[in-house]
Amino acid sequence: MRFPRLKIGQQFDYDGKRYTKTGPLTAAEEGSGESVMIRRAAEVIPVYSVDGDESVKQLKQSFSRQEVMELCQAYRLRLTNALQSKVDKRQNLHIDTVISALSEIDPV
């Protein structure tokens, strides 16, 4: 992700260090609080809090073809299992049931 897409106050990793965005082109280094300029074209890795606690999680920015295929297959399996339990006696599956199942299944 490019630096300008971060929101002010959002944490990110860049060049092996953790920062907090403080302005359109500035960030504060974690620990020292030193203010640094970050190029607009800089590729940064956003850091997201997990359930509001102090732990953080870095979201993976790219996946191999194999990883994408495995993620899709796992999601398909979870969706199939969820839908099989919602088929009515005549082996029908209504569209509102499918939409509901899609919203209930966690994609990760």
Protein backbone atom coordinates (compact mmCIF):
# COMPACT_ATOMS: atom_id res chain seq x y z
CA MET A 1 0.00 0.00 0.00
CA ARG A 2 1.26 3.48 -0.77
CA PHE A 3 1.80 5.92 2.07
CA PRO A 4 -0.91 8.46 1.06
CA ARG A 5 -3.63 5.78 1.41
CA LEU A 6 -3.00 5.51 5.17
CA LYS A 7 -5.15 7.56 7.53
CA ILE A 8 -3.53 9.98 9.94
CA GLY A 9 -2.89 8.12 13.19
CA GLN A 10 -2.61 4.73 11.48
CA GLN A 11 0.43 2.59 12.27
CA PHE A 12 2.57 1.05 9.54
CA ASP A 13 5.91 -0.63 8.94
CA TYR A 14 8.45 0.89 6.57
CA ASP A 15 12.11 -0.02 6.07
CA GLY A 16 12.04 -2.37 9.05
CA LYS A 17 10.70 0.21 11.50
CA ARG A 18 7.22 0.94 12.88
CA TYR A 19 5.71 4.40 12.42
CA THR A 20 2.48 6.31 13.01
CA LYS A 21 1.28 8.63 10.24
CA THR A 22 1.10 12.21 11.53
CA GLY A 23 0.52 14.20 8.36
CA PRO A 24 0.30 13.99 4.56
CA LEU A 25 4.06 13.40 4.24
CA THR A 26 5.16 12.83 7.84
CA ALA A 27 5.25 10.06 10.39
CA ALA A 28 6.53 9.55 13.93
CA GLU A 29 8.88 6.63 14.58
CA GLU A 30 7.63 4.30 17.30
CA GLY A 31 9.73 4.46 20.43
CA SER A 32 11.68 7.64 19.74
CA GLY A 33 8.79 9.73 18.42
CA GLU A 34 11.18 11.24 15.88
CA SER A 35 9.35 12.89 12.98
CA VAL A 36 10.37 11.74 9.50
CA MET A 37 9.30 12.54 5.96
CA ILE A 38 7.88 9.63 3.95
CA ARG A 39 7.74 9.76 0.15
CA ARG A 40 4.28 9.63 -1.44
CA ALA A 41 5.40 6.67 -3.54
CA ALA A 42 6.69 4.73 -0.52
CA GLU A 43 5.26 1.22 -0.18
CA VAL A 44 4.27 0.66 3.44
CA ILE A 45 2.74 -2.25 5.34
CA PRO A 46 -0.30 -1.19 7.40
CA VAL A 47 -0.66 -2.54 10.92
CA TYR A 48 -4.17 -3.25 12.23
CA SER A 49 -5.31 -3.78 15.81
CA VAL A 50 -7.01 -7.09 16.55
CA ASP A 51 -10.32 -6.70 18.44
CA GLY A 52 -9.21 -3.39 19.92
CA ASP A 53 -6.51 -4.91 22.13
CA GLU A 54 -2.84 -4.02 22.15
CA SER A 55 -1.76 -6.85 19.85
CA VAL A 56 -1.38 -6.03 16.19
CA LYS A 57 -1.62 -8.02 13.02
CA GLN A 58 0.10 -7.33 9.73
CA LEU A 59 -2.07 -8.15 6.77
CA LYS A 60 -0.32 -10.04 4.05
CA GLN A 61 -0.06 -7.88 0.94
CA SER A 62 0.45 -10.50 -1.77
CA PHE A 63 -0.30 -14.18 -2.26
CA SER A 64 1.05 -16.87 -4.55
CA ARG A 65 -1.32 -18.52 -7.01
CA GLN A 66 -1.28 -21.68 -4.88
CA GLU A 67 -2.20 -19.75 -1.72
CA VAL A 68 -5.13 -18.09 -3.50
CA MET A 69 -6.35 -21.46 -4.79
CA GLU A 70 -6.15 -22.99 -1.30
CA LEU A 71 -8.01 -20.05 0.27
CA CYS A 72 -10.75 -20.26 -2.36
CA GLN A 73 -11.10 -24.04 -1.93
CA ALA A 74 -11.34 -23.71 1.86
CA TYR A 75 -14.00 -21.00 1.56
CA ARG A 76 -15.93 -23.08 -0.97
CA LEU A 77 -15.89 -26.06 1.41
CA ARG A 78 -17.17 -23.95 4.35
CA LEU A 79 -19.89 -22.45 2.15
CA THR A 80 -20.95 -25.87 0.80
CA ASN A 81 -21.20 -27.29 4.32
CA ALA A 82 -23.24 -24.33 5.52
CA LEU A 83 -25.63 -24.53 2.55
CA GLN A 84 -26.14 -28.29 2.80
CA SER A 85 -27.63 -27.80 6.24
CA LYS A 86 -30.13 -25.28 4.85
CA VAL A 87 -31.62 -27.35 2.00
CA ASP A 88 -35.36 -27.94 2.50
CA LYS A 89 -37.19 -31.30 2.28
CA ARG A 90 -37.67 -31.02 -1.48
CA GLN A 91 -33.93 -30.42 -1.98
CA ASN A 92 -34.56 -26.73 -2.75
CA LEU A 93 -32.34 -23.89 -1.70
CA HIS A 94 -33.82 -20.40 -1.71
CA ILE A 95 -31.78 -17.36 -2.74
CA ASP A 96 -32.39 -15.53 0.54
CA THR A 97 -30.97 -18.54 2.37
CA VAL A 98 -27.85 -18.45 0.18
CA ILE A 99 -27.37 -14.74 0.77
CA SER A 100 -27.80 -15.24 4.50
CA ALA A 101 -25.24 -18.07 4.51
CA LEU A 102 -22.74 -15.93 2.59
CA SER A 103 -22.94 -13.19 5.17
CA GLU A 104 -22.56 -15.64 8.08
CA ILE A 105 -19.40 -17.38 6.86
CA ASP A 106 -16.12 -15.81 7.86
CA PRO A 107 -13.93 -15.68 4.73
CA VAL A 108 -10.70 -16.13 6.69
